[in-house]
């Protein structure tokens, strides 16, 4: 693939759920790039803090809009079971976590645009892992030969 990457970007207002009683709306930038076709990036613009970006699998976001998904640092699920209205995104680092709520509609619109750019299941055509693996193995072998 050439050095230029195509991208899809959107800004979505989400609620940052601090507690059951306290939440506030923040802008979140969603970004998808052909140079990393398996991932989406969400940049959270929290008041008084530098923006924070999380990257995770596009498929996790797609699946999480429809039903609970994710077991690690990122979990996505509908806010209400069997209702496609709002989506919860939980991000966790160690014991700390942050919970965000978004309307499903702008997420689905963003995901639809990513699918038009790179259809789900076609990411491998852009991600030339074999070439990267061959390059890395070649460097390792060259270093070993030079060291020996």
N, C-alpha and C. Protein backbone atom coordinates (compact mmCIF):
# COMPACT_ATOMS: atom_id res chain seq x y z
N UNK A 1 0.85 -1.18 0.00
CA UNK A 1 0.00 0.00 0.00
C UNK A 1 0.88 1.23 0.00
N UNK A 2 0.43 2.30 -0.62
CA UNK A 2 1.21 3.52 -0.67
C UNK A 2 1.21 4.21 0.68
N UNK A 3 2.02 5.26 0.80
CA UNK A 3 2.18 5.94 2.07
C UNK A 3 0.98 6.75 2.49
N UNK A 4 0.08 7.08 1.54
CA UNK A 4 -1.07 7.90 1.91
C UNK A 4 -2.20 7.00 2.41
N UNK A 5 -2.79 7.43 3.48
CA UNK A 5 -3.89 6.67 4.07
C UNK A 5 -5.18 7.47 3.93
N UNK A 6 -6.25 6.77 3.64
CA UNK A 6 -7.55 7.41 3.64
C UNK A 6 -8.13 7.26 5.04
N UNK A 7 -9.01 8.19 5.40
CA UNK A 7 -9.55 8.17 6.76
C UNK A 7 -11.02 8.58 6.76
N UNK A 8 -11.70 8.13 7.80
CA UNK A 8 -13.06 8.53 8.11
C UNK A 8 -13.01 9.12 9.51
N UNK A 9 -13.65 10.27 9.68
CA UNK A 9 -13.62 10.94 10.97
C UNK A 9 -15.00 11.48 11.30
N UNK A 10 -15.33 11.50 12.57
CA UNK A 10 -16.60 12.06 13.02
C UNK A 10 -16.43 12.57 14.45
N UNK A 11 -17.23 13.55 14.82
CA UNK A 11 -17.26 13.99 16.21
C UNK A 11 -18.62 13.65 16.78
N UNK A 12 -18.61 13.02 17.93
CA UNK A 12 -19.83 12.58 18.60
C UNK A 12 -19.82 13.14 20.02
N UNK A 13 -20.96 13.64 20.45
CA UNK A 13 -21.08 14.06 21.84
C UNK A 13 -21.47 12.84 22.67
N UNK A 14 -20.70 12.58 23.72
CA UNK A 14 -20.97 11.45 24.61
C UNK A 14 -21.11 11.96 26.02
N UNK A 15 -21.79 11.19 26.85
CA UNK A 15 -21.87 11.51 28.28
C UNK A 15 -20.78 10.74 29.00
N UNK A 16 -19.98 11.45 29.77
CA UNK A 16 -18.98 10.84 30.63
C UNK A 16 -19.67 10.60 31.97
N UNK A 17 -19.90 9.33 32.32
CA UNK A 17 -20.65 8.98 33.52
C UNK A 17 -19.68 8.86 34.70
N UNK A 18 -19.58 9.92 35.45
CA UNK A 18 -18.67 9.97 36.59
C UNK A 18 -19.20 9.09 37.73
N UNK A 19 -20.50 9.18 37.96
CA UNK A 19 -21.18 8.35 38.97
C UNK A 19 -22.64 8.24 38.53
N UNK A 20 -23.45 7.56 39.33
CA UNK A 20 -24.87 7.45 38.99
C UNK A 20 -25.56 8.81 39.01
N UNK A 21 -25.04 9.73 39.82
CA UNK A 21 -25.66 11.04 39.95
C UNK A 21 -25.02 12.10 39.07
N UNK A 22 -23.79 11.87 38.60
CA UNK A 22 -23.05 12.93 37.91
C UNK A 22 -22.54 12.45 36.56
N UNK A 23 -22.88 13.23 35.53
CA UNK A 23 -22.33 12.98 34.20
C UNK A 23 -22.23 14.31 33.48
N UNK A 24 -21.35 14.38 32.50
CA UNK A 24 -21.30 15.57 31.67
C UNK A 24 -20.95 15.19 30.24
N UNK A 25 -21.40 16.05 29.31
CA UNK A 25 -21.23 15.78 27.89
C UNK A 25 -19.87 16.25 27.42
N UNK A 26 -19.23 15.42 26.62
CA UNK A 26 -17.92 15.77 26.07
C UNK A 26 -17.88 15.42 24.59
N UNK A 27 -17.07 16.15 23.82
CA UNK A 27 -16.89 15.77 22.42
C UNK A 27 -15.88 14.63 22.32
N UNK A 28 -16.20 13.66 21.47
CA UNK A 28 -15.31 12.53 21.23
C UNK A 28 -15.09 12.43 19.73
N UNK A 29 -13.83 12.44 19.34
CA UNK A 29 -13.49 12.29 17.92
C UNK A 29 -13.31 10.81 17.60
N UNK A 30 -14.03 10.33 16.60
CA UNK A 30 -13.90 8.96 16.12
C UNK A 30 -13.09 9.02 14.83
N UNK A 31 -12.11 8.12 14.70
CA UNK A 31 -11.25 8.14 13.52
C UNK A 31 -10.93 6.71 13.10
N UNK A 32 -10.97 6.49 11.80
CA UNK A 32 -10.63 5.20 11.20
C UNK A 32 -9.72 5.48 10.01
N UNK A 33 -8.60 4.76 9.93
CA UNK A 33 -7.64 4.99 8.85
C UNK A 33 -7.32 3.69 8.14
N UNK A 34 -7.14 3.78 6.84
CA UNK A 34 -6.82 2.58 6.05
C UNK A 34 -5.44 2.03 6.40
N UNK A 35 -4.55 2.84 6.97
CA UNK A 35 -3.22 2.32 7.31
C UNK A 35 -3.26 1.41 8.54
N UNK A 36 -4.36 1.46 9.30
CA UNK A 36 -4.58 0.54 10.43
C UNK A 36 -6.03 0.06 10.33
N UNK A 37 -6.30 -0.81 9.35
CA UNK A 37 -7.68 -1.10 8.98
C UNK A 37 -8.49 -1.91 9.98
N UNK A 38 -7.84 -2.46 11.00
CA UNK A 38 -8.58 -3.24 11.99
C UNK A 38 -9.03 -2.40 13.17
N UNK A 39 -8.53 -1.17 13.31
CA UNK A 39 -8.76 -0.38 14.52
C UNK A 39 -9.57 0.89 14.28
N UNK A 40 -10.26 1.31 15.32
CA UNK A 40 -10.85 2.64 15.39
C UNK A 40 -10.17 3.36 16.54
N UNK A 41 -10.14 4.68 16.46
CA UNK A 41 -9.55 5.48 17.52
C UNK A 41 -10.60 6.45 18.03
N UNK A 42 -10.73 6.50 19.34
CA UNK A 42 -11.64 7.45 19.97
C UNK A 42 -10.78 8.40 20.80
N UNK A 43 -10.88 9.69 20.52
CA UNK A 43 -10.15 10.70 21.27
C UNK A 43 -11.15 11.46 22.12
N UNK A 44 -10.99 11.34 23.43
CA UNK A 44 -11.89 11.95 24.41
C UNK A 44 -11.31 13.30 24.82
N UNK A 45 -12.13 14.34 24.72
CA UNK A 45 -11.72 15.69 25.08
C UNK A 45 -12.36 16.04 26.42
N UNK A 46 -11.67 15.66 27.50
CA UNK A 46 -12.18 15.90 28.85
C UNK A 46 -11.80 17.31 29.29
N UNK A 47 -12.72 18.03 29.93
CA UNK A 47 -12.43 19.40 30.37
C UNK A 47 -11.23 19.44 31.31
N UNK A 48 -10.32 20.37 31.03
CA UNK A 48 -9.17 20.57 31.91
C UNK A 48 -8.05 19.56 31.73
N UNK A 49 -8.21 18.57 30.86
CA UNK A 49 -7.18 17.56 30.63
C UNK A 49 -6.79 17.54 29.16
N UNK A 50 -5.61 17.00 28.91
CA UNK A 50 -5.20 16.80 27.52
C UNK A 50 -6.08 15.71 26.91
N UNK A 51 -6.34 15.77 25.61
CA UNK A 51 -7.15 14.72 24.98
C UNK A 51 -6.51 13.34 25.19
N UNK A 52 -7.37 12.33 25.35
CA UNK A 52 -6.92 10.96 25.56
C UNK A 52 -7.46 10.11 24.41
N UNK A 53 -6.57 9.37 23.75
CA UNK A 53 -6.97 8.53 22.62
C UNK A 53 -6.88 7.06 22.98
N UNK A 54 -7.91 6.32 22.65
CA UNK A 54 -7.96 4.87 22.81
C UNK A 54 -8.13 4.26 21.43
N UNK A 55 -7.35 3.25 21.13
CA UNK A 55 -7.50 2.50 19.88
C UNK A 55 -7.92 1.08 20.23
N UNK A 56 -8.92 0.59 19.50
CA UNK A 56 -9.36 -0.79 19.70
C UNK A 56 -10.01 -1.28 18.42
N UNK A 57 -10.33 -2.54 18.38
CA UNK A 57 -10.83 -3.16 17.17
C UNK A 57 -12.14 -2.59 16.68
N UNK A 58 -12.19 -2.31 15.39
CA UNK A 58 -13.44 -1.82 14.78
C UNK A 58 -14.55 -2.84 14.99
N UNK A 59 -14.22 -4.12 14.89
CA UNK A 59 -15.23 -5.16 15.04
C UNK A 59 -15.82 -5.17 16.45
N UNK A 60 -15.01 -4.81 17.46
CA UNK A 60 -15.52 -4.71 18.83
C UNK A 60 -16.60 -3.64 18.92
N UNK A 61 -16.38 -2.51 18.28
CA UNK A 61 -17.38 -1.44 18.31
C UNK A 61 -18.64 -1.86 17.54
N UNK A 62 -18.44 -2.50 16.39
CA UNK A 62 -19.59 -2.97 15.60
C UNK A 62 -20.43 -3.95 16.41
N UNK A 63 -19.78 -4.96 16.98
CA UNK A 63 -20.49 -5.98 17.75
C UNK A 63 -21.12 -5.40 19.02
N UNK A 64 -20.42 -4.46 19.67
CA UNK A 64 -20.88 -3.90 20.92
C UNK A 64 -22.12 -3.03 20.81
N UNK A 65 -22.36 -2.48 19.62
CA UNK A 65 -23.58 -1.67 19.43
C UNK A 65 -24.81 -2.57 19.55
N UNK A 66 -24.68 -3.81 19.11
CA UNK A 66 -25.82 -4.74 19.09
C UNK A 66 -25.94 -5.59 20.35
N UNK A 67 -24.82 -5.87 21.01
CA UNK A 67 -24.84 -6.72 22.20
C UNK A 67 -23.55 -6.59 22.97
N UNK A 68 -23.52 -7.00 24.24
CA UNK A 68 -22.31 -6.87 25.06
C UNK A 68 -21.10 -7.53 24.37
N UNK A 69 -19.98 -6.82 24.38
CA UNK A 69 -18.79 -7.30 23.70
C UNK A 69 -17.55 -6.77 24.41
N UNK A 70 -16.51 -7.57 24.43
CA UNK A 70 -15.24 -7.15 25.02
C UNK A 70 -15.04 -7.75 26.39
N UNK A 71 -13.82 -8.19 26.65
CA UNK A 71 -13.51 -8.80 27.94
C UNK A 71 -12.34 -8.12 28.64
N UNK A 72 -11.63 -7.26 27.95
CA UNK A 72 -10.43 -6.68 28.53
C UNK A 72 -10.61 -5.24 28.92
N UNK A 73 -9.70 -4.40 28.42
CA UNK A 73 -9.68 -2.98 28.77
C UNK A 73 -10.82 -2.19 28.14
N UNK A 74 -11.42 -2.73 27.07
CA UNK A 74 -12.50 -2.04 26.38
C UNK A 74 -13.71 -2.96 26.31
N UNK A 75 -14.84 -2.44 26.79
CA UNK A 75 -16.09 -3.19 26.72
C UNK A 75 -17.16 -2.26 26.15
N UNK A 76 -17.94 -2.80 25.22
CA UNK A 76 -18.98 -2.02 24.56
C UNK A 76 -20.28 -2.82 24.66
N UNK A 77 -21.38 -2.13 24.98
CA UNK A 77 -22.67 -2.83 25.12
C UNK A 77 -23.81 -1.83 24.96
N UNK A 78 -24.96 -2.32 24.49
CA UNK A 78 -26.13 -1.44 24.50
C UNK A 78 -26.45 -1.03 25.94
N UNK A 79 -26.96 0.19 26.12
CA UNK A 79 -27.33 0.66 27.46
C UNK A 79 -28.48 -0.16 28.01
N UNK A 80 -29.39 -0.58 27.12
CA UNK A 80 -30.50 -1.43 27.52
C UNK A 80 -30.52 -2.66 26.62
N UNK A 81 -30.66 -3.84 27.20
CA UNK A 81 -30.69 -5.05 26.39
C UNK A 81 -31.83 -4.99 25.36
N UNK A 82 -31.55 -5.47 24.17
CA UNK A 82 -32.54 -5.57 23.09
C UNK A 82 -33.09 -4.22 22.62
N UNK A 83 -32.41 -3.11 22.96
CA UNK A 83 -32.83 -1.80 22.49
C UNK A 83 -31.64 -1.13 21.82
N UNK A 84 -31.82 -0.72 20.58
CA UNK A 84 -30.73 -0.09 19.84
C UNK A 84 -30.88 1.42 19.95
N UNK A 85 -30.65 1.96 21.14
CA UNK A 85 -30.81 3.39 21.37
C UNK A 85 -29.52 4.05 21.80
N UNK A 86 -28.96 3.54 22.90
CA UNK A 86 -27.73 4.10 23.42
C UNK A 86 -26.73 2.99 23.68
N UNK A 87 -25.46 3.38 23.62
CA UNK A 87 -24.36 2.43 23.77
C UNK A 87 -23.46 2.88 24.91
N UNK A 88 -23.02 1.93 25.72
CA UNK A 88 -22.06 2.20 26.80
C UNK A 88 -20.68 1.72 26.36
N UNK A 89 -19.68 2.55 26.59
CA UNK A 89 -18.29 2.20 26.30
C UNK A 89 -17.53 2.33 27.61
N UNK A 90 -16.97 1.20 28.07
CA UNK A 90 -16.22 1.18 29.33
C UNK A 90 -14.75 0.96 29.00
N UNK A 91 -13.90 1.87 29.50
CA UNK A 91 -12.46 1.80 29.30
C UNK A 91 -11.82 1.60 30.65
N UNK A 92 -10.88 0.68 30.73
CA UNK A 92 -10.28 0.35 32.02
C UNK A 92 -8.77 0.27 31.92
N UNK A 93 -8.10 0.84 32.91
CA UNK A 93 -6.66 0.72 33.08
C UNK A 93 -6.43 0.33 34.54
N UNK A 94 -5.99 -0.89 34.76
CA UNK A 94 -5.80 -1.37 36.12
C UNK A 94 -7.12 -1.34 36.87
N UNK A 95 -7.14 -0.67 38.02
CA UNK A 95 -8.36 -0.56 38.82
C UNK A 95 -9.25 0.59 38.36
N UNK A 96 -8.68 1.52 37.59
CA UNK A 96 -9.42 2.71 37.17
C UNK A 96 -10.22 2.41 35.90
N UNK A 97 -11.41 3.00 35.83
CA UNK A 97 -12.21 2.85 34.63
C UNK A 97 -12.99 4.13 34.37
N UNK A 98 -13.41 4.28 33.12
CA UNK A 98 -14.25 5.40 32.72
C UNK A 98 -15.40 4.83 31.90
N UNK A 99 -16.58 5.39 32.10
CA UNK A 99 -17.76 4.91 31.40
C UNK A 99 -18.37 6.05 30.60
N UNK A 100 -18.65 5.77 29.33
CA UNK A 100 -19.21 6.77 28.42
C UNK A 100 -20.49 6.22 27.81
N UNK A 101 -21.46 7.11 27.57
CA UNK A 101 -22.71 6.72 26.94
C UNK A 101 -22.89 7.58 25.69
N UNK A 102 -23.26 6.90 24.60
CA UNK A 102 -23.46 7.59 23.33
C UNK A 102 -24.75 7.11 22.69
N UNK A 103 -25.36 7.97 21.93
CA UNK A 103 -26.45 7.53 21.08
C UNK A 103 -25.87 6.56 20.06
N UNK A 104 -26.61 5.51 19.73
CA UNK A 104 -26.12 4.52 18.76
C UNK A 104 -26.08 5.09 17.35
N UNK A 105 -26.98 6.01 17.02
CA UNK A 105 -27.10 6.50 15.64
C UNK A 105 -25.79 7.08 15.08
N UNK A 106 -25.09 7.99 15.78
CA UNK A 106 -23.86 8.52 15.18
C UNK A 106 -22.75 7.47 15.10
N UNK A 107 -22.74 6.51 16.02
CA UNK A 107 -21.76 5.44 15.95
C UNK A 107 -22.01 4.57 14.72
N UNK A 108 -23.29 4.25 14.49
CA UNK A 108 -23.64 3.44 13.32
C UNK A 108 -23.34 4.19 12.02
N UNK A 109 -23.58 5.49 11.99
CA UNK A 109 -23.28 6.28 10.80
C UNK A 109 -21.77 6.27 10.53
N UNK A 110 -20.97 6.44 11.58
CA UNK A 110 -19.51 6.39 11.45
C UNK A 110 -19.07 5.01 10.96
N UNK A 111 -19.59 3.95 11.57
CA UNK A 111 -19.21 2.59 11.18
C UNK A 111 -19.63 2.29 9.75
N UNK A 112 -20.76 2.82 9.32
CA UNK A 112 -21.19 2.63 7.94
C UNK A 112 -20.19 3.28 6.99
N UNK A 113 -19.69 4.45 7.33
CA UNK A 113 -18.69 5.14 6.50
C UNK A 113 -17.38 4.35 6.47
N UNK A 114 -16.99 3.75 7.61
CA UNK A 114 -15.76 2.94 7.60
C UNK A 114 -15.94 1.73 6.71
N UNK A 115 -17.15 1.16 6.71
CA UNK A 115 -17.42 -0.03 5.90
C UNK A 115 -17.40 0.31 4.40
N UNK A 116 -17.80 1.52 4.06
CA UNK A 116 -17.73 1.94 2.66
C UNK A 116 -16.26 2.11 2.23
N UNK A 117 -15.41 2.54 3.15
CA UNK A 117 -13.98 2.72 2.85
C UNK A 117 -13.28 1.37 2.80
N UNK A 118 -13.49 0.54 3.82
CA UNK A 118 -12.91 -0.81 3.88
C UNK A 118 -14.00 -1.74 4.41
N UNK A 119 -14.61 -2.54 3.52
CA UNK A 119 -15.66 -3.45 3.98
C UNK A 119 -15.14 -4.41 5.05
N UNK A 120 -15.98 -4.67 6.04
CA UNK A 120 -15.62 -5.61 7.10
C UNK A 120 -15.23 -6.94 6.48
N UNK A 121 -14.10 -7.48 6.92
CA UNK A 121 -13.58 -8.71 6.37
C UNK A 121 -12.55 -8.50 5.26
N UNK A 122 -12.43 -7.27 4.76
CA UNK A 122 -11.47 -6.97 3.69
C UNK A 122 -10.23 -6.24 4.21
N UNK A 123 -10.09 -6.13 5.53
CA UNK A 123 -8.96 -5.39 6.11
C UNK A 123 -7.62 -5.99 5.70
N UNK A 124 -7.58 -7.32 5.59
CA UNK A 124 -6.32 -8.01 5.27
C UNK A 124 -5.74 -7.60 3.94
N UNK A 125 -6.57 -7.12 3.02
CA UNK A 125 -6.06 -6.66 1.73
C UNK A 125 -5.20 -5.41 1.89
N UNK A 126 -5.41 -4.67 2.98
CA UNK A 126 -4.64 -3.46 3.23
C UNK A 126 -3.48 -3.69 4.18
N UNK A 127 -3.65 -4.61 5.10
CA UNK A 127 -2.64 -4.87 6.11
C UNK A 127 -1.73 -6.00 5.61
N UNK A 128 -0.58 -5.64 5.10
CA UNK A 128 0.33 -6.62 4.52
C UNK A 128 1.24 -7.16 5.62
N UNK A 129 0.66 -8.00 6.49
CA UNK A 129 1.40 -8.54 7.62
C UNK A 129 2.56 -9.41 7.18
N UNK A 130 2.37 -10.17 6.11
CA UNK A 130 3.45 -11.04 5.64
C UNK A 130 4.69 -10.25 5.27
N UNK A 131 4.50 -9.11 4.61
CA UNK A 131 5.65 -8.28 4.23
C UNK A 131 6.35 -7.75 5.48
N UNK A 132 5.58 -7.30 6.47
CA UNK A 132 6.18 -6.80 7.72
C UNK A 132 6.91 -7.92 8.46
N UNK A 133 6.33 -9.11 8.48
CA UNK A 133 6.95 -10.24 9.15
C UNK A 133 8.24 -10.62 8.44
N UNK A 134 8.22 -10.69 7.11
CA UNK A 134 9.43 -11.02 6.35
C UNK A 134 10.53 -9.99 6.60
N UNK A 135 10.14 -8.73 6.65
CA UNK A 135 11.12 -7.67 6.90
C UNK A 135 11.74 -7.82 8.29
N UNK A 136 10.90 -8.05 9.30
CA UNK A 136 11.40 -8.20 10.67
C UNK A 136 12.29 -9.42 10.80
N UNK A 137 11.88 -10.54 10.23
CA UNK A 137 12.70 -11.75 10.29
C UNK A 137 14.01 -11.55 9.56
N UNK A 138 13.99 -10.85 8.45
CA UNK A 138 15.23 -10.56 7.71
C UNK A 138 16.20 -9.74 8.54
N UNK A 139 15.69 -8.75 9.28
CA UNK A 139 16.56 -7.93 10.14
C UNK A 139 17.16 -8.77 11.25
N UNK A 140 16.34 -9.64 11.86
CA UNK A 140 16.83 -10.49 12.95
C UNK A 140 17.92 -11.42 12.44
N UNK A 141 17.68 -12.05 11.30
CA UNK A 141 18.68 -12.96 10.73
C UNK A 141 19.97 -12.23 10.38
N UNK A 142 19.86 -11.03 9.83
CA UNK A 142 21.04 -10.23 9.47
C UNK A 142 21.83 -9.86 10.73
N UNK A 143 21.13 -9.50 11.80
CA UNK A 143 21.80 -9.13 13.05
C UNK A 143 22.53 -10.35 13.63
N UNK A 144 21.88 -11.51 13.56
CA UNK A 144 22.52 -12.72 14.08
C UNK A 144 23.76 -13.08 13.28
N UNK A 145 23.70 -12.92 11.96
CA UNK A 145 24.85 -13.23 11.12
C UNK A 145 26.00 -12.25 11.37
N UNK A 146 25.65 -10.98 11.57
CA UNK A 146 26.68 -9.97 11.85
C UNK A 146 27.30 -10.15 13.22
N UNK A 147 26.53 -10.64 14.18
CA UNK A 147 27.03 -10.85 15.54
C UNK A 147 27.91 -12.09 15.63
N UNK A 148 27.66 -13.06 14.76
CA UNK A 148 28.35 -14.34 14.84
C UNK A 148 29.51 -14.38 13.95
